[in-house]
Amino acid sequence: MPATPPGSGGFSKTRTVLLSAGWALVAGLAASLCATLVMGLLRLLAGIPTPVELFGDFVLKHIDVGTFIRLLKLTNNSKAVPLGQALLGMIAIGTVLGWLYALLVRIKLPARGYRPGRWEWVVGLAFALAMALVATILFWNETPQNFMGWPYTPARVLTILALLLDFVVYGLVLCLGYRFLLPKQPEATTDMAVAQRRQLLARGGVVALGVGAGLGTFGAIQKYLSDYTVYDGMKTAFPKHIVHPITPNNEHYVVTQNPVDPDPDIALWRLELTGLLNKPGSYTYDELQKLPSISRAITLECIANGENDHLIGNAIWHGVPLRTLVEQHGGAQADARYIAFYCIDGFNTTLPLKEVLEADPLLAWNMNGEVLPRRHGYPLRILIPGRYGEENPKWLTRIDFSPDFVNGLYSAQGWYNGILHTMSRIDLPYQDLVIRAGDVVPMTGIAFAGNRGIKRVEVSTDAGNTWKDTTLEPATSKDSWVFWKSSWQPIHAGDYTLMVRATDGTGEVQTTRRQGTVPNGATGFARVKITVH
């Protein structure tokens, strides 16, 4: 832009560039804050995921498990902090984009009037459409989620429309705000003092809009975090080292990917059966509960359940067997090799269809005689015996019969995607228990091998040199853990290493190979070090 000659009423090139750049940043910040407020309101009022959440889901599917674990260890608040950083990053990008807008519209200063010209509207609208298109393409796999329970396809449509609205608000505020903020050429018929007041009011209005949007966003964030999933990673309760055969609902371990779990509106929710099924269909909550249903004890174990750990629990689940549902819909077609489960919160997992049906999964709406708790997947979750908890998804909304494997969060990161390993645990005695030579010490614990069952449990009190059989309690069901018990009477004082091993129902002994939980699930014999006085 050539410099304006002195006395012509225009600004110099340097002054124009500096003023345009400065006010462009202010307009970009105000536009970003307004768009962020709209995102927050849509999330709170309509359950539509924000671009920040979509970005988080996208990133988690594009990092390996090692990076994921390292990120978890960087902060005590492994969900809210990264989302907060992403939000600040998004606001920063929106602010800096004000420069690009100013460069494209190239308004000569001082500007004439407060009404944006046609080119300014075109650029603002182009910004909105471009950002919405990029977000839709980038987050396409993440868009079919809605925390109020809208089904898969309507959820995707709502998310895309929300992205468009978010960025249209950004474009409008950027276009109007930038024009309002720029210094103006006074009209010949307007008093200079009146023009200056008008300029001050216009700038104050843009600043007030930005501040108000910022405060509104802060309030929306506080409301969002008031429902934060502080129970994530909660282990099954273990008071006085006593394990209940049936774990109470409020004591059952909980793991969730969400900072805030879904709160479905049952009037919106549907279970859809799609893909290579002879008769696809869908069910409301009431329709589902009218199907033939059963109750069954099924133990759930997290893949992060380590040696002698408590990310495992057993409950009585009530619902309809998946096999019954498939049969009512005419069975799967010959080309269906996989079954994919999609959830309200965007989580999905895919498993081999034949293996899943052989495991006889249960679509459960009831847990221990109560309506399925929200944190355990209300209104519906699937229980697949023999699979780790991560492959027993909650908040289920869609079951798709597919010829191909569909990557989900855990499979994309490289977590183990097979049947769970046989495990056993020592609950009594524990390391800090005071034991004296000659005492008769009760030994108790659990063993679990999914739907393979447990045939035998042995314990050793000499670090695995010798073994003896324990007594097994009857299992609650073929899919539940087994309690074992024995006793030990140490004759001499000293240090002892107690160990336990289980044999599953197929006759395979628990592996001796010790490995941690990441990424394939823990294996090896549990051990407890005891000092006898």
Protein backbone atom coordinates (compact mmCIF):
# COMPACT_ATOMS: atom_id res chain seq x y z
CA MET A 1 0.00 0.00 0.00
CA PRO A 2 1.72 3.24 -1.04
CA ALA A 3 2.29 5.88 1.59
CA THR A 4 -0.26 8.67 1.59
CA PRO A 5 1.23 12.11 0.96
CA PRO A 6 1.18 14.46 3.96
CA GLY A 7 -1.83 16.64 4.12
CA SER A 8 -4.07 14.26 2.17
CA GLY A 9 -5.92 13.09 5.27
CA GLY A 10 -4.61 9.51 5.02
CA PHE A 11 -2.20 7.67 7.30
CA SER A 12 1.34 6.78 6.40
CA LYS A 13 2.10 3.21 5.40
CA THR A 14 3.89 2.51 8.68
CA ARG A 15 1.07 3.91 10.79
CA THR A 16 -1.52 2.02 8.76
CA VAL A 17 0.33 -1.27 9.20
CA LEU A 18 0.79 -0.79 12.94
CA LEU A 19 -2.80 0.25 13.59
CA SER A 20 -4.24 -2.43 11.34
CA ALA A 21 -2.12 -5.14 12.99
CA GLY A 22 -2.98 -4.02 16.52
CA TRP A 23 -6.70 -3.70 16.00
CA ALA A 24 -6.75 -6.95 14.01
CA LEU A 25 -5.41 -8.78 17.07
CA VAL A 26 -8.08 -7.20 19.30
CA ALA A 27 -10.81 -8.13 16.80
CA GLY A 28 -9.40 -11.66 16.47
CA LEU A 29 -9.38 -12.09 20.24
CA ALA A 30 -12.95 -10.82 20.60
CA ALA A 31 -14.10 -13.10 17.77
CA SER A 32 -12.34 -16.10 19.31
CA LEU A 33 -13.91 -15.48 22.71
CA CYS A 34 -17.40 -15.13 21.19
CA ALA A 35 -16.98 -18.33 19.21
CA THR A 36 -15.69 -20.11 22.32
CA LEU A 37 -18.74 -19.00 24.29
CA VAL A 38 -21.04 -20.41 21.59
CA MET A 39 -19.10 -23.68 21.69
CA GLY A 40 -19.50 -23.87 25.46
CA LEU A 41 -23.22 -23.14 25.37
CA LEU A 42 -23.83 -25.76 22.69
CA ARG A 43 -21.91 -28.28 24.79
CA LEU A 44 -23.87 -27.53 27.95
CA LEU A 45 -27.32 -27.12 26.42
CA ALA A 46 -27.27 -29.60 23.54
CA GLY A 47 -24.46 -32.04 24.40
CA ILE A 48 -22.56 -31.15 21.22
CA PRO A 49 -18.81 -31.74 21.61
CA THR A 50 -16.62 -28.65 21.34
CA PRO A 51 -13.85 -28.43 18.74
CA VAL A 52 -11.43 -28.70 21.66
CA GLU A 53 -12.87 -32.09 22.65
CA LEU A 54 -12.92 -33.25 19.03
CA PHE A 55 -9.29 -32.21 18.72
CA GLY A 56 -8.43 -34.13 21.90
CA ASP A 57 -10.13 -37.27 20.63
CA PHE A 58 -8.35 -36.90 17.29
CA VAL A 59 -4.93 -36.50 18.88
CA LEU A 60 -5.41 -39.48 21.22
CA LYS A 61 -6.06 -41.71 18.20
CA HIS A 62 -2.89 -40.52 16.50
CA ILE A 63 -0.34 -41.13 19.23
CA ASP A 64 1.13 -44.44 20.32
CA VAL A 65 0.57 -45.98 23.72
CA GLY A 66 4.02 -44.97 24.97
CA THR A 67 3.39 -41.31 24.21
CA PHE A 68 -0.07 -41.58 25.78
CA ILE A 69 1.35 -42.91 29.05
CA ARG A 70 4.06 -40.23 29.11
CA LEU A 71 1.44 -37.53 28.63
CA LEU A 72 -0.63 -38.97 31.47
CA LYS A 73 2.35 -38.63 33.79
CA LEU A 74 3.05 -35.00 32.92
CA THR A 75 0.26 -33.64 35.10
CA ASN A 76 -1.94 -34.73 37.98
CA ASN A 77 -4.97 -33.54 35.99
CA SER A 78 -4.40 -35.48 32.79
CA LYS A 79 -7.69 -34.47 31.12
CA ALA A 80 -8.62 -30.92 32.11
CA VAL A 81 -5.11 -29.47 31.72
CA PRO A 82 -4.56 -30.66 28.10
CA LEU A 83 -8.08 -29.50 27.18
CA GLY A 84 -7.39 -26.14 28.78
CA GLN A 85 -4.14 -25.84 26.87
CA ALA A 86 -5.92 -26.75 23.63
CA LEU A 87 -8.58 -24.13 24.35
CA LEU A 88 -5.97 -21.43 24.93
CA GLY A 89 -4.20 -22.54 21.77
CA MET A 90 -7.43 -22.28 19.79
CA ILE A 91 -8.07 -18.77 21.13
CA ALA A 92 -4.49 -17.79 20.29
CA ILE A 93 -4.83 -19.09 16.72
CA GLY A 94 -8.12 -17.24 16.30
CA THR A 95 -6.47 -14.07 17.58
CA VAL A 96 -3.51 -14.32 15.18
CA LEU A 97 -5.84 -15.06 12.27
CA GLY A 98 -6.99 -11.47 12.69
CA TRP A 99 -3.72 -10.50 11.00
CA LEU A 100 -4.51 -12.67 7.98
CA TYR A 101 -7.97 -11.13 7.77
CA ALA A 102 -6.52 -7.60 7.90
CA LEU A 103 -4.00 -8.47 5.20
CA LEU A 104 -6.72 -9.83 2.92
CA VAL A 105 -9.22 -6.96 3.30
CA ARG A 106 -6.52 -4.20 3.14
CA ILE A 107 -8.63 -1.34 4.44
CA LYS A 108 -7.14 2.11 3.89
CA LEU A 109 -6.87 4.25 7.01
CA PRO A 110 -8.62 6.20 8.22
CA ALA A 111 -11.56 3.99 7.24
CA ARG A 112 -14.82 5.35 5.93
CA GLY A 113 -17.84 4.36 8.01
CA TYR A 114 -18.69 1.47 10.34
CA ARG A 115 -20.34 -0.81 7.82
CA PRO A 116 -18.11 -3.54 6.38
CA GLY A 117 -17.80 -3.58 2.60
CA ARG A 118 -18.74 -6.47 0.36
CA TRP A 119 -15.17 -7.82 0.22
CA GLU A 120 -14.90 -7.78 4.02
CA TRP A 121 -18.10 -9.84 4.30
CA VAL A 122 -16.81 -12.26 1.67
CA VAL A 123 -13.51 -12.73 3.50
CA GLY A 124 -15.25 -13.15 6.88
CA LEU A 125 -17.65 -15.73 5.45
CA ALA A 126 -14.79 -17.50 3.66
CA PHE A 127 -12.93 -17.73 6.98
CA ALA A 128 -15.99 -19.33 8.60
CA LEU A 129 -16.61 -21.82 5.80
CA ALA A 130 -12.94 -22.74 5.48
CA MET A 131 -12.51 -23.38 9.20
CA ALA A 132 -15.75 -25.38 9.40
CA LEU A 133 -14.73 -27.46 6.36
CA VAL A 134 -11.23 -28.14 7.70
CA ALA A 135 -12.61 -29.12 11.12
CA THR A 136 -15.24 -31.40 9.57
CA ILE A 137 -12.70 -33.19 7.38
CA LEU A 138 -10.10 -33.44 10.15
CA PHE A 139 -12.55 -34.62 12.83
CA TRP A 140 -14.89 -36.64 10.60
CA ASN A 141 -14.44 -39.83 12.64
CA GLU A 142 -15.01 -37.92 15.88
CA THR A 143 -18.18 -36.04 14.83
CA PRO A 144 -20.83 -38.77 15.53
CA GLN A 145 -20.97 -38.13 19.26
CA ASN A 146 -23.44 -36.28 21.41
CA PHE A 147 -23.39 -36.28 25.19
CA MET A 148 -27.19 -35.99 25.44
CA GLY A 149 -27.61 -39.23 23.52
CA TRP A 150 -28.53 -38.33 19.93
CA PRO A 151 -28.01 -41.36 17.67
CA TYR A 152 -24.97 -41.72 15.42
CA THR A 153 -26.05 -39.93 12.22
CA PRO A 154 -28.08 -37.10 13.84
CA ALA A 155 -25.16 -36.57 16.24
CA ARG A 156 -22.79 -36.15 13.29
CA VAL A 157 -25.13 -33.67 11.59
CA LEU A 158 -25.52 -31.66 14.81
CA THR A 159 -21.77 -31.57 15.35
CA ILE A 160 -21.10 -30.34 11.81
CA LEU A 161 -23.82 -27.67 12.08
CA ALA A 162 -22.38 -26.59 15.42
CA LEU A 163 -18.91 -26.27 13.89
CA LEU A 164 -20.38 -24.10 11.15
CA LEU A 165 -22.21 -21.93 13.70
CA ASP A 166 -19.08 -21.58 15.86
CA PHE A 167 -16.99 -20.34 12.97
CA VAL A 168 -19.74 -18.16 11.44
CA VAL A 169 -19.90 -16.35 14.78
CA TYR A 170 -16.13 -16.00 14.63
CA GLY A 171 -16.24 -14.60 11.08
CA LEU A 172 -19.06 -12.15 11.84
CA VAL A 173 -17.46 -10.75 14.99
CA LEU A 174 -14.08 -10.53 13.28
CA CYS A 175 -15.56 -8.68 10.30
CA LEU A 176 -17.67 -6.24 12.33
CA GLY A 177 -15.21 -5.87 15.19
CA TYR A 178 -12.26 -5.03 12.96
CA ARG A 179 -14.27 -2.41 11.09
CA PHE A 180 -15.56 -0.89 14.36
CA LEU A 181 -12.09 -0.72 15.88
CA LEU A 182 -10.29 0.99 13.02
CA PRO A 183 -9.79 4.76 13.14
CA LYS A 184 -12.42 6.52 11.06
CA GLN A 185 -12.43 9.37 8.60
CA PRO A 186 -14.89 11.95 10.08
CA GLU A 187 -17.80 12.81 7.83
CA ALA A 188 -17.91 16.42 6.72
CA THR A 189 -21.31 16.94 8.36
CA THR A 190 -20.33 15.40 11.70
CA ASP A 191 -18.89 17.33 14.62
CA MET A 192 -15.39 16.14 15.53
CA ALA A 193 -16.31 15.58 19.20
CA VAL A 194 -19.36 13.52 18.19
CA ALA A 195 -17.21 11.44 15.82
CA GLN A 196 -14.67 10.79 18.54
CA ARG A 197 -17.38 9.71 21.00
CA ARG A 198 -18.85 7.43 18.39
CA GLN A 199 -15.42 5.90 17.76
CA LEU A 200 -14.88 5.43 21.48
CA LEU A 201 -18.26 3.78 21.92
CA ALA A 202 -17.65 1.46 18.98
CA ARG A 203 -14.29 0.36 20.35
CA GLY A 204 -15.72 0.04 23.84
CA GLY A 205 -18.52 -2.11 22.48
CA VAL A 206 -16.10 -4.52 20.83
CA VAL A 207 -13.98 -4.72 23.98
CA ALA A 208 -17.09 -5.20 26.14
CA LEU A 209 -18.31 -7.94 23.81
CA GLY A 210 -14.97 -9.72 24.09
CA VAL A 211 -14.82 -9.33 27.86
CA GLY A 212 -18.42 -10.50 28.23
CA ALA A 213 -17.76 -13.51 26.01
CA GLY A 214 -14.63 -14.27 28.02
CA LEU A 215 -16.53 -14.14 31.30
CA GLY A 216 -19.33 -16.22 29.82
CA THR A 217 -16.78 -18.78 28.60
CA PHE A 218 -15.23 -18.90 32.06
CA GLY A 219 -18.68 -19.53 33.56
CA ALA A 220 -19.40 -22.26 31.01
CA ILE A 221 -16.08 -23.92 31.82
CA GLN A 222 -16.87 -23.83 35.54
CA LYS A 223 -20.27 -25.38 34.88
CA TYR A 224 -18.64 -28.02 32.68
CA LEU A 225 -16.03 -28.88 35.29
CA SER A 226 -18.62 -29.06 38.08
CA ASP A 227 -19.47 -32.49 36.67
CA TYR A 228 -15.84 -33.54 36.23
CA THR A 229 -15.19 -37.30 36.34
CA VAL A 230 -13.10 -37.32 39.51
CA TYR A 231 -13.92 -41.03 39.84
CA ASP A 232 -11.85 -41.95 36.78
CA GLY A 233 -9.36 -44.65 37.73
CA MET A 234 -11.25 -45.48 40.94
CA LYS A 235 -10.33 -48.98 42.09
CA THR A 236 -12.79 -51.48 43.51
CA ALA A 237 -13.14 -50.84 47.23
CA PHE A 238 -11.12 -53.14 49.48
CA PRO A 239 -12.07 -52.33 53.09
CA LYS A 240 -10.01 -54.30 55.63
CA HIS A 241 -8.78 -56.50 52.77
CA ILE A 242 -12.24 -58.00 52.38
CA VAL A 243 -13.58 -58.65 48.87
CA HIS A 244 -17.31 -58.94 48.25
CA PRO A 245 -18.33 -61.73 45.86
CA ILE A 246 -20.66 -59.21 44.22
CA THR A 247 -19.18 -55.73 44.07
CA PRO A 248 -21.60 -52.96 45.10
CA ASN A 249 -22.25 -50.42 42.36
CA ASN A 250 -20.62 -47.53 44.19
CA GLU A 251 -17.54 -49.63 44.97
CA HIS A 252 -16.94 -51.06 41.49
CA TYR A 253 -13.86 -49.82 39.66
CA VAL A 254 -14.43 -47.07 37.08
CA VAL A 255 -12.35 -45.97 34.09
CA THR A 256 -13.52 -43.35 31.59
CA GLN A 257 -11.96 -41.43 28.72
CA ASN A 258 -14.13 -38.37 29.39
CA PRO A 259 -13.53 -35.25 31.50
CA VAL A 260 -17.33 -35.19 31.82
CA ASP A 261 -19.33 -38.35 31.16
CA PRO A 262 -22.48 -38.38 29.00
CA ASP A 263 -25.82 -37.56 30.59
CA PRO A 264 -28.21 -39.05 28.02
CA ASP A 265 -31.78 -37.94 27.47
CA ILE A 266 -33.57 -41.27 27.20
CA ALA A 267 -36.16 -39.74 24.84
CA LEU A 268 -33.39 -39.04 22.31
CA TRP A 269 -31.35 -42.20 22.74
CA ARG A 270 -31.60 -45.16 20.37
CA LEU A 271 -29.76 -48.44 19.96
CA GLU A 272 -29.10 -48.91 16.24
CA LEU A 273 -28.17 -52.18 14.53
CA THR A 274 -26.58 -51.45 11.18
CA GLY A 275 -24.28 -52.76 8.48
CA LEU A 276 -24.19 -56.35 7.21
CA LEU A 277 -27.25 -57.49 9.14
CA ASN A 278 -30.12 -59.11 7.28
CA LYS A 279 -32.70 -56.86 8.95
CA PRO A 280 -31.15 -53.67 10.35
CA GLY A 281 -33.20 -51.80 12.92
CA SER A 282 -33.24 -49.64 16.02
CA TYR A 283 -34.73 -49.66 19.51
CA THR A 284 -35.89 -47.12 22.02
CA TYR A 285 -35.06 -47.77 25.65
CA ASP A 286 -38.56 -49.07 26.34
CA GLU A 287 -38.58 -51.31 23.26
CA LEU A 288 -35.25 -52.82 24.25
CA GLN A 289 -36.48 -53.70 27.72
CA LYS A 290 -39.42 -55.65 26.28
CA LEU A 291 -37.06 -58.17 24.67
CA PRO A 292 -36.34 -61.52 26.39
CA SER A 293 -33.79 -60.73 29.08
CA ILE A 294 -31.59 -62.51 31.62
CA SER A 295 -29.35 -61.77 34.59
CA ARG A 296 -25.75 -62.96 34.80
CA ALA A 297 -22.69 -62.34 36.94
CA ILE A 298 -19.84 -61.04 34.80
CA THR A 299 -16.48 -59.89 36.11
CA LEU A 300 -14.85 -56.86 34.52
CA GLU A 301 -11.09 -56.33 34.59
CA CYS A 302 -9.24 -53.26 33.32
CA ILE A 303 -6.21 -53.83 31.11
CA ALA A 304 -4.36 -51.57 33.57
CA ASN A 305 -4.99 -54.00 36.43
CA GLY A 306 -1.53 -54.78 37.75
CA GLU A 307 -0.13 -57.38 40.14
CA ASN A 308 -2.33 -57.68 43.25
CA ASP A 309 -4.26 -54.61 42.07
CA HIS A 310 -7.98 -53.82 42.27
CA LEU A 311 -9.10 -52.56 38.86
CA ILE A 312 -11.44 -55.53 38.75
CA GLY A 313 -14.99 -56.08 40.01
CA ASN A 314 -17.92 -58.48 39.72
CA ALA A 315 -21.58 -57.51 39.29
CA ILE A 316 -24.92 -59.05 38.38
CA TRP A 317 -25.87 -57.53 35.04
CA HIS A 318 -29.34 -57.72 33.52
CA GLY A 319 -30.22 -57.28 29.86
CA VAL A 320 -30.69 -59.00 26.52
CA PRO A 321 -28.08 -61.39 25.10
CA LEU A 322 -26.52 -60.00 21.92
CA ARG A 323 -27.08 -63.38 20.28
CA THR A 324 -30.86 -63.03 20.85
CA LEU A 325 -30.84 -59.61 19.23
CA VAL A 326 -28.86 -60.81 16.22
CA GLU A 327 -31.22 -63.75 15.72
CA GLN A 328 -34.25 -61.46 15.85
CA HIS A 329 -32.74 -59.45 13.02
CA GLY A 330 -32.18 -62.43 10.75
CA GLY A 331 -28.52 -62.95 11.58
CA ALA A 332 -25.38 -61.37 10.18
CA GLN A 333 -24.62 -61.57 6.48
CA ALA A 334 -21.85 -63.84 5.20
CA ASP A 335 -19.43 -60.95 4.59
CA ALA A 336 -19.68 -59.68 8.17
CA ARG A 337 -16.35 -60.51 9.84
CA TYR A 338 -16.25 -57.84 12.53
CA ILE A 339 -18.63 -56.19 14.94
CA ALA A 340 -18.05 -52.55 15.84
CA PHE A 341 -19.54 -50.88 18.91
CA TYR A 342 -20.10 -47.12 18.89
CA CYS A 343 -20.87 -45.03 21.96
CA ILE A 344 -22.47 -41.72 22.84
CA ASP A 345 -19.10 -40.20 23.81
CA GLY A 346 -17.42 -41.11 20.51
CA PHE A 347 -15.65 -44.18 21.87
CA ASN A 348 -15.64 -47.20 19.57
CA THR A 349 -14.11 -50.65 19.50
CA THR A 350 -14.10 -53.47 16.94
CA LEU A 351 -13.81 -57.20 17.56
CA PRO A 352 -14.04 -60.38 15.46
CA LEU A 353 -17.73 -61.22 15.10
CA LYS A 354 -17.34 -64.98 15.51
CA GLU A 355 -15.34 -64.63 18.76
CA VAL A 356 -17.80 -62.11 20.18
CA LEU A 357 -20.86 -64.27 19.53
CA GLU A 358 -19.12 -67.33 20.98
CA ALA A 359 -18.49 -65.38 24.20
CA ASP A 360 -22.28 -64.78 24.53
CA PRO A 361 -22.21 -61.03 25.37
CA LEU A 362 -24.93 -59.26 27.29
CA LEU A 363 -26.44 -55.88 26.46
CA ALA A 364 -27.11 -54.65 29.99
CA TRP A 365 -29.38 -51.88 31.26
CA ASN A 366 -29.31 -52.98 34.88
CA MET A 367 -26.48 -53.50 37.39
CA ASN A 368 -27.00 -55.34 40.68
CA GLY A 369 -30.74 -54.83 40.60
CA GLU A 370 -30.55 -51.10 39.84
CA VAL A 371 -30.80 -48.99 36.71
CA LEU A 372 -27.35 -48.90 35.14
CA PRO A 373 -25.47 -46.04 36.87
CA ARG A 374 -24.37 -43.17 34.68
CA ARG A 375 -20.69 -43.80 35.29
CA HIS A 376 -21.16 -47.43 34.25
CA GLY A 377 -22.79 -46.57 30.93
CA TYR A 378 -26.46 -45.62 31.31
CA PRO A 379 -28.63 -46.39 29.45
CA LEU A 380 -26.84 -49.40 27.90
CA ARG A 381 -23.46 -51.09 27.87
CA ILE A 382 -22.15 -54.35 26.52
CA LEU A 383 -20.44 -57.04 28.58
CA ILE A 384 -18.20 -59.33 26.51
CA PRO A 385 -16.83 -62.15 28.68
CA GLY A 386 -13.15 -62.84 28.15
CA ARG A 387 -12.26 -59.28 27.10
CA TYR A 388 -10.71 -56.46 29.10
CA GLY A 389 -12.97 -53.67 30.28
CA GLU A 390 -11.86 -51.32 27.51
CA GLU A 391 -13.57 -53.64 25.04
CA ASN A 392 -16.81 -53.68 27.04
CA PRO A 393 -17.92 -50.15 26.03
CA LYS A 394 -20.36 -47.99 27.96
CA TRP A 395 -23.09 -45.62 26.72
CA LEU A 396 -23.66 -47.87 23.73
CA THR A 397 -25.70 -46.42 20.86
CA ARG A 398 -24.79 -48.32 17.67
CA ILE A 399 -23.74 -51.86 16.74
CA ASP A 400 -22.37 -52.21 13.22
CA PHE A 401 -21.66 -55.47 11.40
CA SER A 402 -18.70 -54.85 9.14
CA PRO A 403 -16.40 -56.65 6.68
CA ASP A 404 -13.45 -54.60 7.95
CA PHE A 405 -11.75 -53.74 11.22
CA VAL A 406 -12.50 -50.16 12.38
CA ASN A 407 -9.79 -48.54 14.46
CA GLY A 408 -10.76 -47.16 17.84
CA LEU A 409 -8.87 -45.30 20.56
CA TYR A 410 -7.12 -48.27 22.17
CA SER A 411 -6.41 -50.22 19.00
CA ALA A 412 -5.09 -47.08 17.28
CA GLN A 413 -2.66 -46.46 20.15
CA GLY A 414 -1.43 -50.06 20.03
CA TRP A 415 -3.03 -51.58 23.12
CA TYR A 416 -3.58 -55.34 23.27
CA ASN A 417 -6.67 -56.42 21.35
CA GLY A 418 -7.05 -60.07 22.41
CA ILE A 419 -8.58 -62.27 25.10
CA LEU A 420 -7.66 -61.35 28.67
CA HIS A 421 -4.84 -63.14 30.47
CA THR A 422 -5.41 -65.51 33.37
CA MET A 423 -4.75 -63.69 36.63
CA SER A 424 -4.69 -64.51 40.34
CA ARG A 425 -4.27 -62.33 43.39
CA ILE A 426 -3.33 -62.66 47.08
CA ASP A 427 -5.59 -60.65 49.36
CA LEU A 428 -4.53 -62.21 52.68
CA PRO A 429 -1.97 -62.05 54.12
CA TYR A 430 -0.67 -58.64 53.10
CA GLN A 431 2.76 -57.14 53.55
CA ASP A 432 2.09 -55.05 56.67
CA LEU A 433 0.24 -57.78 58.55
CA VAL A 434 1.98 -58.70 61.81
CA ILE A 435 2.70 -62.45 61.78
CA ARG A 436 4.60 -64.42 64.39
CA ALA A 437 6.25 -67.82 63.99
CA GLY A 438 3.74 -70.57 64.76
CA ASP A 439 0.67 -68.50 63.82
CA VAL A 440 -1.90 -70.12 61.54
CA VAL A 441 -2.31 -67.55 58.80
CA PRO A 442 -5.39 -67.54 56.53
CA MET A 443 -4.57 -67.16 52.85
CA THR A 444 -7.27 -65.87 50.51
CA GLY A 445 -7.57 -64.29 47.10
CA ILE A 446 -9.22 -64.36 43.71
CA ALA A 447 -8.47 -65.85 40.31
CA PHE A 448 -9.97 -64.92 36.97
CA ALA A 449 -9.70 -66.09 33.37
CA GLY A 450 -12.80 -64.58 31.78
CA ASN A 451 -15.21 -67.07 30.27
CA ARG A 452 -12.55 -69.81 30.34
CA GLY A 453 -13.19 -70.24 34.05
CA ILE A 454 -10.75 -71.39 36.75
CA LYS A 455 -9.97 -75.06 37.33
CA ARG A 456 -7.20 -74.83 39.92
CA VAL A 457 -5.32 -72.35 42.12
CA GLU A 458 -2.02 -73.11 43.85
CA VAL A 459 0.00 -71.13 46.37
CA SER A 460 3.65 -71.12 47.32
CA THR A 461 5.22 -69.78 50.52
CA ASP A 462 8.82 -70.26 49.39
CA ALA A 463 9.06 -68.08 46.28
CA GLY A 464 7.77 -70.77 43.94
CA ASN A 465 9.98 -73.72 44.95
CA THR A 466 7.00 -75.76 46.13
CA TRP A 467 3.28 -75.42 45.51
CA LYS A 468 0.09 -76.65 47.14
CA ASP A 469 -3.52 -76.63 46.02
CA THR A 470 -6.06 -74.26 47.51
CA THR A 471 -9.78 -74.72 48.05
CA LEU A 472 -11.97 -73.01 45.44
CA GLU A 473 -15.31 -71.44 46.24
CA PRO A 474 -18.08 -72.03 43.67
CA ALA A 475 -18.02 -69.33 40.99
CA THR A 476 -21.01 -66.98 40.78
CA SER A 477 -21.19 -67.78 37.06
CA LYS A 478 -19.01 -69.14 34.28
CA ASP A 479 -17.96 -65.56 33.54
CA SER A 480 -17.05 -64.45 37.06
CA TRP A 481 -14.00 -64.52 39.27
CA VAL A 482 -13.32 -67.39 41.67
CA PHE A 483 -12.40 -67.09 45.35
CA TRP A 484 -9.69 -69.36 46.71
CA LYS A 485 -8.56 -70.03 50.28
CA SER A 486 -5.79 -71.85 52.08
CA SER A 487 -3.74 -71.52 55.26
CA TRP A 488 -0.08 -71.23 56.17
CA GLN A 489 1.76 -71.82 59.42
CA PRO A 490 5.32 -70.44 59.32
CA ILE A 491 7.54 -72.26 61.83
CA HIS A 492 10.54 -69.95 61.70
CA ALA A 493 10.91 -66.19 61.79
CA GLY A 494 12.30 -64.54 58.66
CA ASP A 495 11.37 -63.17 55.25
CA TYR A 496 9.05 -65.12 52.96
CA THR A 497 7.77 -64.61 49.42
CA LEU A 498 4.23 -65.83 48.88
CA MET A 499 3.07 -66.55 45.33
CA VAL A 500 -0.10 -67.72 43.60
CA ARG A 501 -0.84 -69.23 40.21
CA ALA A 502 -4.06 -70.28 38.50
CA THR A 503 -5.02 -72.82 35.88
CA ASP A 504 -7.89 -71.85 33.60
CA GLY A 505 -10.79 -74.07 32.58
CA THR A 506 -8.97 -75.26 29.46
CA GLY A 507 -6.10 -76.62 31.57
CA GLU A 508 -3.62 -73.86 30.67
CA VAL A 509 -1.49 -72.67 33.59
CA GLN A 510 -1.03 -68.96 34.15
CA THR A 511 2.17 -67.82 32.46
CA THR A 512 5.33 -67.28 34.54
CA ARG A 513 6.45 -64.43 32.26
CA ARG A 514 6.18 -61.16 34.15
CA GLN A 515 5.15 -58.04 32.25
CA GLY A 516 3.57 -54.75 33.17
CA THR A 517 0.16 -53.55 32.16
CA VAL A 518 1.26 -51.41 29.21
CA PRO A 519 0.40 -52.17 26.46
CA ASN A 520 -0.55 -55.87 26.63
CA GLY A 521 -1.97 -56.37 30.12
CA ALA A 522 -0.08 -57.68 33.15
CA THR A 523 1.07 -61.30 33.34
CA GLY A 524 3.09 -63.39 35.78
CA PHE A 525 2.50 -64.72 39.28
CA ALA A 526 1.41 -62.28 41.97
CA ARG A 527 3.70 -62.24 44.98
CA VAL A 528 3.65 -60.76 48.48
CA LYS A 529 6.71 -60.34 50.69
CA ILE A 530 6.06 -61.19 54.34
CA THR A 531 8.25 -60.79 57.41
CA VAL A 532 7.52 -63.33 60.16
CA HIS A 533 8.61 -62.22 63.66
